[in-house]
Amino acid sequence: MTPAEIIAKIPESFDKAQEAGDLLFFPSTIHKHSEFDVDFEIRLCPALQQKPNLPTPHFNSAPQLSSGKPDPFAPPYILNLCLGEIKDEEEGTEYVILFNKYSVVRHHILLITKEYQSQTSPLLPPDLVQTYLLLLAAQRTGRRYFAFYNCGELSGASQPHKHLQLIPVDDDGPPIERLARKTKIDYPGEPYPFPRYRAFALSSLPYANHVRRLPTSLSSTSYDDLDRELSNAFLSLLDLVVSTVRHDPDYPSGTPSYNVILTLEHMHLIPRKKENHILEETGEQLSVNSLGYAGLLLVKSERELEVVKRESIGRILRDVGLQSVHDLLVDEHSRDIVGEGLSVQ
């Protein structure tokens, strides 16, 4: 199937899956809370109190849940949850598109590798291209989605099988995207074609974040150009994530964890140091994944909502993230370039 065919099926298929009982939709209310020039949206969903907390999966083991149950992202798929399959014609990588079985946001879909890959692995060119094409197909029907990827044991990922997630948002995108869009970027003396130098940070935020602005021409470019631009953006940001981790003397051993947010306009990577934040007032754990860094948090009770507001979303995100050293990394990179004898105009 094509991305456009997948997107066209979503509304009717979602209703059908919900009516059949194969998909559970949990109603919620949204509460706005402004910090650091971001209008965060905290989604209150009391029904999630009945959902058990699953342990962090073993990402590098065989695709089995800790309970011994089979991989839920492997066939046979529940018919009403499966929107179809997509194949990247250049690389041959195959994906299945499933609804999120436990949806807090209507029309929440998952792009899953058909062949098992670990959720600790970085995004590959076909992952990026097919995700972008789904976002583009949605835009062409008058809908706006954004995508996210929780990579690694400390990222808030809940399943070990590699999957990206796509959810619909209002026309102006997730809250963090509004801040990125307002950020003016200028690269005086940019040592093109060194893409790492072209990344920027949302400096008003209290945690490490790395962003690339995508060319507006991507929506009409060739597959090869789309592949090249998205891959360069991702690798340059991943390079900055790894460098940020190296500047933290207390970072846990092992492969770095991070969150990815992708829209048609920007790509964001945020390094992670912890999976959960412990709320000081209650001692309870608050799980944070990419949605938190997109400006969309999820809470299960009115009490938790008020505690999160009092504790500060920025403080919570900083606790599970890292200190920003973006400017230091750019300065180091610039000096390295000059030291290699390359001119900076």
C-alpha atoms as a PDB file:
ATOM      1  CA  MET A   1       0.000   0.000   0.000  1.00  0.00           C
ATOM      2  CA  THR A   2       1.019   3.617  -0.377  1.00  0.00           C
ATOM      3  CA  PRO A   3       1.222   6.132   2.500  1.00  0.00           C
ATOM      4  CA  ALA A   4      -1.756   7.964   0.990  1.00  0.00           C
ATOM      5  CA  GLU A   5      -3.861   4.783   1.021  1.00  0.00           C
ATOM      6  CA  ILE A   6      -2.926   4.131   4.646  1.00  0.00           C
ATOM      7  CA  ILE A   7      -3.882   7.656   5.731  1.00  0.00           C
ATOM      8  CA  ALA A   8      -7.201   7.471   3.849  1.00  0.00           C
ATOM      9  CA  LYS A   9      -8.210   4.323   5.752  1.00  0.00           C
ATOM     10  CA  ILE A  10      -7.594   5.691   9.251  1.00  0.00           C
ATOM     11  CA  PRO A  11     -10.925   7.334  10.263  1.00  0.00           C
ATOM     12  CA  GLU A  12     -13.277   4.534   9.231  1.00  0.00           C
ATOM     13  CA  SER A  13     -10.892   1.767  10.343  1.00  0.00           C
ATOM     14  CA  PHE A  14     -10.400   3.357  13.774  1.00  0.00           C
ATOM     15  CA  ASP A  15     -14.149   3.449  14.403  1.00  0.00           C
ATOM     16  CA  LYS A  16     -14.524  -0.134  13.207  1.00  0.00           C
ATOM     17  CA  ALA A  17     -11.731  -1.386  15.479  1.00  0.00           C
ATOM     18  CA  GLN A  18     -13.191   0.448  18.472  1.00  0.00           C
ATOM     19  CA  GLU A  19     -16.707  -0.868  17.843  1.00  0.00           C
ATOM     20  CA  ALA A  20     -15.344  -4.423  17.590  1.00  0.00           C
ATOM     21  CA  GLY A  21     -13.549  -4.064  20.928  1.00  0.00           C
ATOM     22  CA  ASP A  22     -10.127  -4.643  19.357  1.00  0.00           C
ATOM     23  CA  LEU A  23      -9.070  -1.068  20.112  1.00  0.00           C
ATOM     24  CA  LEU A  24      -9.581   0.613  23.477  1.00  0.00           C
ATOM     25  CA  PHE A  25      -9.978   4.390  23.447  1.00  0.00           C
ATOM     26  CA  PHE A  26      -9.553   6.256  26.748  1.00  0.00           C
ATOM     27  CA  PRO A  27     -11.219   9.708  26.809  1.00  0.00           C
ATOM     28  CA  SER A  28      -9.179  12.533  28.294  1.00  0.00           C
ATOM     29  CA  THR A  29      -9.147  16.274  28.895  1.00  0.00           C
ATOM     30  CA  ILE A  30      -6.358  18.705  28.011  1.00  0.00           C
ATOM     31  CA  HIS A  31      -5.025  21.282  30.464  1.00  0.00           C
ATOM     32  CA  LYS A  32      -2.711  24.074  29.257  1.00  0.00           C
ATOM     33  CA  HIS A  33       0.331  25.053  31.318  1.00  0.00           C
ATOM     34  CA  SER A  34       2.910  27.595  30.106  1.00  0.00           C
ATOM     35  CA  GLU A  35       6.617  27.456  30.915  1.00  0.00           C
ATOM     36  CA  PHE A  36       9.740  28.575  29.020  1.00  0.00           C
ATOM     37  CA  ASP A  37       7.656  30.087  26.217  1.00  0.00           C
ATOM     38  CA  VAL A  38       5.991  26.703  25.599  1.00  0.00           C
ATOM     39  CA  ASP A  39       2.261  26.159  26.057  1.00  0.00           C
ATOM     40  CA  PHE A  40       2.489  22.601  27.365  1.00  0.00           C
ATOM     41  CA  GLU A  41      -0.586  20.409  27.073  1.00  0.00           C
ATOM     42  CA  ILE A  42      -1.133  18.048  29.996  1.00  0.00           C
ATOM     43  CA  ARG A  43      -3.613  15.324  29.106  1.00  0.00           C
ATOM     44  CA  LEU A  44      -5.588  13.983  32.048  1.00  0.00           C
ATOM     45  CA  CYS A  45      -6.806  10.412  31.541  1.00  0.00           C
ATOM     46  CA  PRO A  46      -8.184   8.862  34.760  1.00  0.00           C
ATOM     47  CA  ALA A  47      -8.995   5.557  33.009  1.00  0.00           C
ATOM     48  CA  LEU A  48      -5.259   4.814  32.769  1.00  0.00           C
ATOM     49  CA  GLN A  49      -5.221   4.214  36.526  1.00  0.00           C
ATOM     50  CA  GLN A  50      -6.730   0.818  35.733  1.00  0.00           C
ATOM     51  CA  LYS A  51      -3.984  -0.080  33.275  1.00  0.00           C
ATOM     52  CA  PRO A  52      -1.111  -2.028  34.903  1.00  0.00           C
ATOM     53  CA  ASN A  53       2.401  -0.621  34.730  1.00  0.00           C
ATOM     54  CA  LEU A  54       4.544  -2.882  32.586  1.00  0.00           C
ATOM     55  CA  PRO A  55       8.215  -3.395  33.454  1.00  0.00           C
ATOM     56  CA  THR A  56      10.855  -1.949  31.164  1.00  0.00           C
ATOM     57  CA  PRO A  57      11.374  -4.531  28.403  1.00  0.00           C
ATOM     58  CA  HIS A  58      14.665  -6.250  27.666  1.00  0.00           C
ATOM     59  CA  PHE A  59      15.462  -4.542  24.396  1.00  0.00           C
ATOM     60  CA  ASN A  60      18.447  -6.597  23.344  1.00  0.00           C
ATOM     61  CA  SER A  61      17.013 -10.035  24.068  1.00  0.00           C
ATOM     62  CA  ALA A  62      14.833 -12.213  21.857  1.00  0.00           C
ATOM     63  CA  PRO A  63      11.524 -10.542  20.957  1.00  0.00           C
ATOM     64  CA  GLN A  64       9.628 -11.853  23.974  1.00  0.00           C
ATOM     65  CA  LEU A  65       7.966  -9.850  26.696  1.00  0.00           C
ATOM     66  CA  SER A  66       9.198 -10.341  30.244  1.00  0.00           C
ATOM     67  CA  SER A  67       5.940 -12.185  30.946  1.00  0.00           C
ATOM     68  CA  GLY A  68       6.781 -14.711  28.255  1.00  0.00           C
ATOM     69  CA  LYS A  69       4.042 -13.508  25.928  1.00  0.00           C
ATOM     70  CA  PRO A  70       4.900 -13.261  22.222  1.00  0.00           C
ATOM     71  CA  ASP A  71       5.904 -10.022  20.547  1.00  0.00           C
ATOM     72  CA  PRO A  72       2.645  -8.029  20.054  1.00  0.00           C
ATOM     73  CA  PHE A  73       4.123  -6.416  16.946  1.00  0.00           C
ATOM     74  CA  ALA A  74       4.716  -9.728  15.173  1.00  0.00           C
ATOM     75  CA  PRO A  75       2.167 -11.554  12.991  1.00  0.00           C
ATOM     76  CA  PRO A  76      -0.520 -12.734  13.077  1.00  0.00           C
ATOM     77  CA  TYR A  77      -1.919  -9.227  13.479  1.00  0.00           C
ATOM     78  CA  ILE A  78      -5.363  -8.423  14.836  1.00  0.00           C
ATOM     79  CA  LEU A  79      -7.217  -7.727  11.615  1.00  0.00           C
ATOM     80  CA  ASN A  80      -9.037  -4.599  12.783  1.00  0.00           C
ATOM     81  CA  LEU A  81      -5.813  -3.054  14.137  1.00  0.00           C
ATOM     82  CA  CYS A  82      -3.863  -3.541  10.908  1.00  0.00           C
ATOM     83  CA  LEU A  83      -4.096  -0.715   8.370  1.00  0.00           C
ATOM     84  CA  GLY A  84      -1.774  -2.340   5.869  1.00  0.00           C
ATOM     85  CA  GLU A  85       1.845  -2.817   4.897  1.00  0.00           C
ATOM     86  CA  ILE A  86       4.391  -0.523   3.300  1.00  0.00           C
ATOM     87  CA  LYS A  87       7.599  -1.476   1.521  1.00  0.00           C
ATOM     88  CA  ASP A  88      10.501   0.874   0.946  1.00  0.00           C
ATOM     89  CA  GLU A  89      11.197   0.179  -2.706  1.00  0.00           C
ATOM     90  CA  GLU A  90      14.793   1.426  -2.600  1.00  0.00           C
ATOM     91  CA  GLU A  91      15.991  -0.580   0.405  1.00  0.00           C
ATOM     92  CA  GLY A  92      13.366  -3.334   0.424  1.00  0.00           C
ATOM     93  CA  THR A  93      12.536  -2.766   4.110  1.00  0.00           C
ATOM     94  CA  GLU A  94       8.976  -3.772   4.981  1.00  0.00           C
ATOM     95  CA  TYR A  95       6.703  -2.235   7.596  1.00  0.00           C
ATOM     96  CA  VAL A  96       3.279  -2.919   9.019  1.00  0.00           C
ATOM     97  CA  ILE A  97       0.997  -0.064  10.132  1.00  0.00           C
ATOM     98  CA  LEU A  98      -1.064  -0.832  13.241  1.00  0.00           C
ATOM     99  CA  PHE A  99      -3.350   1.232  15.418  1.00  0.00           C
ATOM    100  CA  ASN A 100      -2.196   1.744  18.985  1.00  0.00           C
ATOM    101  CA  LYS A 101      -4.394  -0.805  20.767  1.00  0.00           C
ATOM    102  CA  TYR A 102      -4.634   1.453  23.850  1.00  0.00           C
ATOM    103  CA  SER A 103      -5.337   4.896  22.409  1.00  0.00           C
ATOM    104  CA  VAL A 104      -5.557   8.119  24.376  1.00  0.00           C
ATOM    105  CA  VAL A 105      -5.489  10.111  21.122  1.00  0.00           C
ATOM    106  CA  ARG A 106      -7.787   9.072  18.296  1.00  0.00           C
ATOM    107  CA  HIS A 107      -6.123   7.807  15.096  1.00  0.00           C
ATOM    108  CA  HIS A 108      -2.793   7.052  16.840  1.00  0.00           C
ATOM    109  CA  ILE A 109      -0.824   4.709  14.536  1.00  0.00           C
ATOM    110  CA  LEU A 110       2.439   2.770  14.686  1.00  0.00           C
ATOM    111  CA  LEU A 111       4.995   2.172  11.916  1.00  0.00           C
ATOM    112  CA  ILE A 112       6.629  -1.166  12.792  1.00  0.00           C
ATOM    113  CA  THR A 113       9.447  -3.069  11.114  1.00  0.00           C
ATOM    114  CA  LYS A 114       8.077  -6.410   9.910  1.00  0.00           C
ATOM    115  CA  GLU A 115      11.402  -8.072  10.608  1.00  0.00           C
ATOM    116  CA  TYR A 116      12.312  -7.796  14.270  1.00  0.00           C
ATOM    117  CA  GLN A 117      14.725  -4.973  15.061  1.00  0.00           C
ATOM    118  CA  SER A 118      15.550  -3.652  18.517  1.00  0.00           C
ATOM    119  CA  GLN A 119      14.131  -0.393  19.866  1.00  0.00           C
ATOM    120  CA  THR A 120      17.708   0.454  20.874  1.00  0.00           C
ATOM    121  CA  SER A 121      18.766   0.720  17.225  1.00  0.00           C
ATOM    122  CA  PRO A 122      18.999   4.102  15.479  1.00  0.00           C
ATOM    123  CA  LEU A 123      16.574   5.136  12.777  1.00  0.00           C
ATOM    124  CA  LEU A 124      17.684   4.033   9.318  1.00  0.00           C
ATOM    125  CA  PRO A 125      17.042   5.891   6.051  1.00  0.00           C
ATOM    126  CA  PRO A 126      13.935   3.828   5.134  1.00  0.00           C
ATOM    127  CA  ASP A 127      12.475   4.439   8.621  1.00  0.00           C
ATOM    128  CA  LEU A 128      12.872   8.176   8.182  1.00  0.00           C
ATOM    129  CA  VAL A 129      11.655   8.308   4.589  1.00  0.00           C
ATOM    130  CA  GLN A 130       8.532   6.209   5.109  1.00  0.00           C
ATOM    131  CA  THR A 131       7.620   8.144   8.252  1.00  0.00           C
ATOM    132  CA  TYR A 132       8.047  11.459   6.430  1.00  0.00           C
ATOM    133  CA  LEU A 133       5.921  10.208   3.523  1.00  0.00           C
ATOM    134  CA  LEU A 134       3.117   9.302   5.951  1.00  0.00           C
ATOM    135  CA  LEU A 135       3.299  12.787   7.488  1.00  0.00           C
ATOM    136  CA  LEU A 136       3.210  14.298   4.013  1.00  0.00           C
ATOM    137  CA  ALA A 137       0.271  12.136   2.925  1.00  0.00           C
ATOM    138  CA  ALA A 138      -1.679  13.274   5.993  1.00  0.00           C
ATOM    139  CA  GLN A 139      -0.944  16.932   5.262  1.00  0.00           C
ATOM    140  CA  ARG A 140      -2.215  16.516   1.718  1.00  0.00           C
ATOM    141  CA  THR A 141      -5.590  15.402   3.095  1.00  0.00           C
ATOM    142  CA  GLY A 142      -5.791  18.431   5.377  1.00  0.00           C
ATOM    143  CA  ARG A 143      -4.606  16.624   8.508  1.00  0.00           C
ATOM    144  CA  ARG A 144      -1.439  17.215  10.502  1.00  0.00           C
ATOM    145  CA  TYR A 145       0.477  14.430  12.224  1.00  0.00           C
ATOM    146  CA  PHE A 146       3.848  14.316  13.891  1.00  0.00           C
ATOM    147  CA  ALA A 147       6.018  11.281  14.553  1.00  0.00           C
ATOM    148  CA  PHE A 148       8.167  10.224  17.475  1.00  0.00           C
ATOM    149  CA  TYR A 149      10.594   7.459  18.382  1.00  0.00           C
ATOM    150  CA  ASN A 150      11.632   6.378  21.867  1.00  0.00           C
ATOM    151  CA  CYS A 151      15.100   4.876  21.472  1.00  0.00           C
ATOM    152  CA  GLY A 152      16.736   2.896  24.246  1.00  0.00           C
ATOM    153  CA  GLU A 153      16.089   1.707  27.767  1.00  0.00           C
ATOM    154  CA  LEU A 154      15.954   5.210  29.284  1.00  0.00           C
ATOM    155  CA  SER A 155      13.728   6.780  26.630  1.00  0.00           C
ATOM    156  CA  GLY A 156      10.308   5.735  27.930  1.00  0.00           C
ATOM    157  CA  ALA A 157       9.907   2.981  25.332  1.00  0.00           C
ATOM    158  CA  SER A 158       7.425   0.264  26.277  1.00  0.00           C
ATOM    159  CA  GLN A 159       8.083  -2.386  23.616  1.00  0.00           C
ATOM    160  CA  PRO A 160      11.386  -3.896  22.421  1.00  0.00           C
ATOM    161  CA  HIS A 161      10.313  -4.242  18.753  1.00  0.00           C
ATOM    162  CA  LYS A 162      11.353  -1.210  16.697  1.00  0.00           C
ATOM    163  CA  HIS A 163       8.432   1.104  16.014  1.00  0.00           C
ATOM    164  CA  LEU A 164       7.755   4.763  15.365  1.00  0.00           C
ATOM    165  CA  GLN A 165       4.502   6.382  16.446  1.00  0.00           C
ATOM    166  CA  LEU A 166       2.397   8.979  14.669  1.00  0.00           C
ATOM    167  CA  ILE A 167      -0.402  11.008  16.246  1.00  0.00           C
ATOM    168  CA  PRO A 168      -2.620  13.799  14.902  1.00  0.00           C
ATOM    169  CA  VAL A 169      -2.316  17.330  16.266  1.00  0.00           C
ATOM    170  CA  ASP A 170      -3.816  20.745  15.645  1.00  0.00           C
ATOM    171  CA  ASP A 171      -2.812  22.705  12.575  1.00  0.00           C
ATOM    172  CA  ASP A 172       0.117  24.447  14.266  1.00  0.00           C
ATOM    173  CA  GLY A 173       1.656  21.200  15.489  1.00  0.00           C
ATOM    174  CA  PRO A 174       2.828  19.994  18.911  1.00  0.00           C
ATOM    175  CA  PRO A 175       3.752  22.727  21.420  1.00  0.00           C
ATOM    176  CA  ILE A 176       7.514  22.310  21.063  1.00  0.00           C
ATOM    177  CA  GLU A 177       7.222  22.742  17.306  1.00  0.00           C
ATOM    178  CA  ARG A 178       5.683  26.165  17.771  1.00  0.00           C
ATOM    179  CA  LEU A 179       8.788  27.221  19.679  1.00  0.00           C
ATOM    180  CA  ALA A 180      11.093  25.728  17.037  1.00  0.00           C
ATOM    181  CA  ARG A 181       9.205  27.528  14.299  1.00  0.00           C
ATOM    182  CA  LYS A 182       9.637  30.883  16.054  1.00  0.00           C
ATOM    183  CA  THR A 183      13.376  30.355  16.517  1.00  0.00           C
ATOM    184  CA  LYS A 184      15.456  32.403  14.100  1.00  0.00           C
ATOM    185  CA  ILE A 185      18.551  30.611  12.952  1.00  0.00           C
ATOM    186  CA  ASP A 186      21.491  32.110  11.191  1.00  0.00           C
ATOM    187  CA  TYR A 187      24.741  30.454  10.221  1.00  0.00           C
ATOM    188  CA  PRO A 188      27.271  33.201   9.581  1.00  0.00           C
ATOM    189  CA  GLY A 189      30.439  31.612   8.302  1.00  0.00           C
ATOM    190  CA  GLU A 190      28.773  28.220   8.061  1.00  0.00           C
ATOM    191  CA  PRO A 191      31.419  25.705   6.925  1.00  0.00           C
ATOM    192  CA  TYR A 192      29.103  24.003   4.441  1.00  0.00           C
ATOM    193  CA  PRO A 193      28.736  21.058   3.824  1.00  0.00           C
ATOM    194  CA  PHE A 194      29.314  20.161   7.494  1.00  0.00           C
ATOM    195  CA  PRO A 195      25.726  19.470   8.585  1.00  0.00           C
ATOM    196  CA  ARG A 196      26.432  19.160  12.299  1.00  0.00           C
ATOM    197  CA  TYR A 197      27.109  22.889  12.385  1.00  0.00           C
ATOM    198  CA  ARG A 198      23.626  23.541  11.000  1.00  0.00           C
ATOM    199  CA  ALA A 199      21.863  22.139  14.076  1.00  0.00           C
ATOM    200  CA  PHE A 200      20.466  24.530  16.653  1.00  0.00           C
ATOM    201  CA  ALA A 201      19.111  24.305  20.185  1.00  0.00           C
ATOM    202  CA  LEU A 202      15.973  25.731  21.744  1.00  0.00           C
ATOM    203  CA  SER A 203      18.062  27.664  24.237  1.00  0.00           C
ATOM    204  CA  SER A 204      15.164  28.776  26.446  1.00  0.00           C
ATOM    205  CA  LEU A 205      14.596  25.175  27.515  1.00  0.00           C
ATOM    206  CA  PRO A 206      16.441  23.860  30.601  1.00  0.00           C
ATOM    207  CA  TYR A 207      17.592  20.558  29.072  1.00  0.00           C
ATOM    208  CA  ALA A 208      19.780  19.385  26.203  1.00  0.00           C
ATOM    209  CA  ASN A 209      18.021  19.375  22.845  1.00  0.00           C
ATOM    210  CA  HIS A 210      19.237  19.400  19.266  1.00  0.00           C
ATOM    211  CA  VAL A 211      17.134  20.477  16.282  1.00  0.00           C
ATOM    212  CA  ARG A 212      17.464  20.624  12.506  1.00  0.00           C
ATOM    213  CA  ARG A 213      15.166  22.671  10.308  1.00  0.00           C
ATOM    214  CA  LEU A 214      14.156  20.723   7.221  1.00  0.00           C
ATOM    215  CA  PRO A 215      14.018  22.346   3.763  1.00  0.00           C
ATOM    216  CA  THR A 216      10.557  23.361   2.609  1.00  0.00           C
ATOM    217  CA  SER A 217      11.356  21.757  -0.755  1.00  0.00           C
ATOM    218  CA  LEU A 218      11.362  18.247   0.763  1.00  0.00           C
ATOM    219  CA  SER A 219       7.653  17.831   0.067  1.00  0.00           C
ATOM    220  CA  SER A 220       8.312  17.796  -3.666  1.00  0.00           C
ATOM    221  CA  THR A 221      11.804  16.334  -3.849  1.00  0.00           C
ATOM    222  CA  SER A 222      13.016  12.998  -5.206  1.00  0.00           C
ATOM    223  CA  TYR A 223      13.370   9.888  -3.072  1.00  0.00           C
ATOM    224  CA  ASP A 224      17.163  10.159  -3.167  1.00  0.00           C
ATOM    225  CA  ASP A 225      17.139  13.782  -2.029  1.00  0.00           C
ATOM    226  CA  LEU A 226      14.623  12.996   0.715  1.00  0.00           C
ATOM    227  CA  ASP A 227      16.735  10.071   1.876  1.00  0.00           C
ATOM    228  CA  ARG A 228      19.897  12.195   1.860  1.00  0.00           C
ATOM    229  CA  GLU A 229      18.423  15.170   3.710  1.00  0.00           C
ATOM    230  CA  LEU A 230      16.671  13.161   6.416  1.00  0.00           C
ATOM    231  CA  SER A 231      19.643  10.855   6.939  1.00  0.00           C
ATOM    232  CA  ASN A 232      22.096  13.758   7.186  1.00  0.00           C
ATOM    233  CA  ALA A 233      19.818  15.534   9.650  1.00  0.00           C
ATOM    234  CA  PHE A 234      19.425  12.465  11.830  1.00  0.00           C
ATOM    235  CA  LEU A 235      23.117  11.533  11.850  1.00  0.00           C
ATOM    236  CA  SER A 236      24.220  15.080  12.636  1.00  0.00           C
ATOM    237  CA  LEU A 237      21.777  15.278  15.550  1.00  0.00           C
ATOM    238  CA  LEU A 238      22.720  11.809  16.790  1.00  0.00           C
ATOM    239  CA  ASP A 239      26.360  12.903  16.735  1.00  0.00           C
ATOM    240  CA  LEU A 240      25.411  15.803  19.005  1.00  0.00           C
ATOM    241  CA  VAL A 241      23.446  13.500  21.313  1.00  0.00           C
ATOM    242  CA  VAL A 242      26.445  11.207  21.731  1.00  0.00           C
ATOM    243  CA  SER A 243      28.747  14.187  22.306  1.00  0.00           C
ATOM    244  CA  THR A 244      26.340  15.571  24.925  1.00  0.00           C
ATOM    245  CA  VAL A 245      26.376  12.238  26.747  1.00  0.00           C
ATOM    246  CA  ARG A 246      30.189  12.217  26.717  1.00  0.00           C
ATOM    247  CA  HIS A 247      30.209  15.545  28.530  1.00  0.00           C
ATOM    248  CA  ASP A 248      28.196  14.023  31.408  1.00  0.00           C
ATOM    249  CA  PRO A 249      30.572  12.211  33.801  1.00  0.00           C
ATOM    250  CA  ASP A 250      27.700  10.391  35.533  1.00  0.00           C
ATOM    251  CA  TYR A 251      25.912   9.047  32.478  1.00  0.00           C
ATOM    252  CA  PRO A 252      24.988   5.340  32.838  1.00  0.00           C
ATOM    253  CA  SER A 253      27.095   2.842  30.902  1.00  0.00           C
ATOM    254  CA  GLY A 254      25.724   1.352  27.716  1.00  0.00           C
ATOM    255  CA  THR A 255      24.189   2.665  24.523  1.00  0.00           C
ATOM    256  CA  PRO A 256      22.807   6.215  24.913  1.00  0.00           C
ATOM    257  CA  SER A 257      19.042   6.641  24.985  1.00  0.00           C
ATOM    258  CA  TYR A 258      17.244   9.507  23.292  1.00  0.00           C
ATOM    259  CA  ASN A 259      13.899  10.720  21.991  1.00  0.00           C
ATOM    260  CA  VAL A 260      13.165  11.706  18.396  1.00  0.00           C
ATOM    261  CA  ILE A 261      10.427  14.077  17.248  1.00  0.00           C
ATOM    262  CA  LEU A 262       9.798  14.473  13.519  1.00  0.00           C
ATOM    263  CA  THR A 263       7.501  16.909  11.736  1.00  0.00           C
ATOM    264  CA  LEU A 264       7.492  18.132   8.151  1.00  0.00           C
ATOM    265  CA  GLU A 265       9.463  21.173   9.345  1.00  0.00           C
ATOM    266  CA  HIS A 266      11.912  19.985  12.004  1.00  0.00           C
ATOM    267  CA  MET A 267      13.712  17.009  13.453  1.00  0.00           C
ATOM    268  CA  HIS A 268      14.444  17.043  17.209  1.00  0.00           C
ATOM    269  CA  LEU A 269      16.714  14.696  19.189  1.00  0.00           C
ATOM    270  CA  ILE A 270      16.801  14.845  22.989  1.00  0.00           C
ATOM    271  CA  PRO A 271      19.320  12.755  24.982  1.00  0.00           C
ATOM    272  CA  ARG A 272      17.924  10.886  27.986  1.00  0.00           C
ATOM    273  CA  LYS A 273      19.515   9.949  31.289  1.00  0.00           C
ATOM    274  CA  LYS A 274      16.537   8.511  33.192  1.00  0.00           C
ATOM    275  CA  GLU A 275      13.303   6.784  32.200  1.00  0.00           C
ATOM    276  CA  ASN A 276      11.159   8.099  35.076  1.00  0.00           C
ATOM    277  CA  HIS A 277      10.914  11.193  37.250  1.00  0.00           C
ATOM    278  CA  ILE A 278      10.080  10.752  40.925  1.00  0.00           C
ATOM    279  CA  LEU A 279       7.523  13.350  41.961  1.00  0.00           C
ATOM    280  CA  GLU A 280       8.757  14.973  45.164  1.00  0.00           C
ATOM    281  CA  GLU A 281       5.328  15.508  46.731  1.00  0.00           C
ATOM    282  CA  THR A 282       4.065  11.955  46.258  1.00  0.00           C
ATOM    283  CA  GLY A 283       7.150   9.795  45.651  1.00  0.00           C
ATOM    284  CA  GLU A 284       5.368   8.342  42.616  1.00  0.00           C
ATOM    285  CA  GLN A 285       7.027   7.667  39.280  1.00  0.00           C
ATOM    286  CA  LEU A 286       6.105   9.726  36.236  1.00  0.00           C
ATOM    287  CA  SER A 287       7.103   8.045  32.990  1.00  0.00           C
ATOM    288  CA  VAL A 288       8.372  10.420  30.299  1.00  0.00           C
ATOM    289  CA  ASN A 289       8.797   9.581  26.622  1.00  0.00           C
ATOM    290  CA  SER A 290       9.055  11.642  23.436  1.00  0.00           C
ATOM    291  CA  LEU A 291       5.590  13.085  23.938  1.00  0.00           C
ATOM    292  CA  GLY A 292       6.772  14.909  27.056  1.00  0.00           C
ATOM    293  CA  TYR A 293       9.510  16.615  25.056  1.00  0.00           C
ATOM    294  CA  ALA A 294       7.008  17.421  22.311  1.00  0.00           C
ATOM    295  CA  GLY A 295       5.120  19.385  24.976  1.00  0.00           C
ATOM    296  CA  LEU A 296       2.428  16.748  25.548  1.00  0.00           C
ATOM    297  CA  LEU A 297       2.419  15.101  28.964  1.00  0.00           C
ATOM    298  CA  LEU A 298       0.078  12.426  30.273  1.00  0.00           C
ATOM    299  CA  VAL A 299      -1.209  12.177  33.856  1.00  0.00           C
ATOM    300  CA  LYS A 300      -3.683   9.793  35.461  1.00  0.00           C
ATOM    301  CA  SER A 301      -5.364  11.904  38.147  1.00  0.00           C
ATOM    302  CA  GLU A 302      -6.277  15.451  39.137  1.00  0.00           C
ATOM    303  CA  ARG A 303      -3.830  15.158  42.004  1.00  0.00           C
ATOM    304  CA  GLU A 304      -0.987  14.163  39.706  1.00  0.00           C
ATOM    305  CA  LEU A 305      -1.910  17.023  37.378  1.00  0.00           C
ATOM    306  CA  GLU A 306      -1.569  19.600  40.140  1.00  0.00           C
ATOM    307  CA  VAL A 307       1.657  18.059  41.437  1.00  0.00           C
ATOM    308  CA  VAL A 308       3.212  18.206  37.963  1.00  0.00           C
ATOM    309  CA  LYS A 309       2.241  21.873  37.606  1.00  0.00           C
ATOM    310  CA  ARG A 310       3.693  22.767  41.016  1.00  0.00           C
ATOM    311  CA  GLU A 311       6.892  20.824  40.440  1.00  0.00           C
ATOM    312  CA  SER A 312       7.417  22.435  36.978  1.00  0.00           C
ATOM    313  CA  ILE A 313       7.422  20.581  33.679  1.00  0.00           C
ATOM    314  CA  GLY A 314      10.807  22.080  32.832  1.00  0.00           C
ATOM    315  CA  ARG A 315      12.278  20.655  36.018  1.00  0.00           C
ATOM    316  CA  ILE A 316      10.783  17.223  35.286  1.00  0.00           C
ATOM    317  CA  LEU A 317      12.126  17.149  31.726  1.00  0.00           C
ATOM    318  CA  ARG A 318      15.548  18.334  32.886  1.00  0.00           C
ATOM    319  CA  ASP A 319      15.649  15.604  35.548  1.00  0.00           C
ATOM    320  CA  VAL A 320      15.209  12.806  33.010  1.00  0.00           C
ATOM    321  CA  GLY A 321      17.324  14.603  30.392  1.00  0.00           C
ATOM    322  CA  LEU A 322      20.764  16.198  30.377  1.00  0.00           C
ATOM    323  CA  GLN A 323      22.310  19.618  30.746  1.00  0.00           C
ATOM    324  CA  SER A 324      22.649  21.472  27.468  1.00  0.00           C
ATOM    325  CA  VAL A 325      26.184  21.834  26.104  1.00  0.00           C
ATOM    326  CA  HIS A 326      25.059  22.592  22.546  1.00  0.00           C
ATOM    327  CA  ASP A 327      26.959  25.853  22.171  1.00  0.00           C
ATOM    328  CA  LEU A 328      30.113  24.220  23.550  1.00  0.00           C
ATOM    329  CA  LEU A 329      29.805  21.385  21.036  1.00  0.00           C
ATOM    330  CA  VAL A 330      29.346  23.778  18.126  1.00  0.00           C
ATOM    331  CA  ASP A 331      32.393  25.805  19.241  1.00  0.00           C
ATOM    332  CA  GLU A 332      34.458  22.631  19.524  1.00  0.00           C
ATOM    333  CA  HIS A 333      33.340  21.491  16.086  1.00  0.00           C
ATOM    334  CA  SER A 334      34.138  24.856  14.543  1.00  0.00           C
ATOM    335  CA  ARG A 335      37.646  24.801  16.050  1.00  0.00           C
ATOM    336  CA  ASP A 336      38.160  21.260  14.749  1.00  0.00           C
ATOM    337  CA  ILE A 337      37.258  22.370  11.241  1.00  0.00           C
ATOM    338  CA  VAL A 338      39.639  25.320  11.356  1.00  0.00           C
ATOM    339  CA  GLY A 339      42.330  23.101  12.854  1.00  0.00           C
ATOM    340  CA  GLU A 340      41.995  20.740   9.882  1.00  0.00           C
ATOM    341  CA  GLY A 341      42.866  23.651   7.609  1.00  0.00           C
ATOM    342  CA  LEU A 342      39.375  24.166   6.199  1.00  0.00           C
ATOM    343  CA  SER A 343      38.380  27.740   5.602  1.00  0.00           C
ATOM    344  CA  VAL A 344      35.387  29.270   7.355  1.00  0.00           C
ATOM    345  CA  GLN A 345      34.042  32.131   5.286  1.00  0.00           C
END
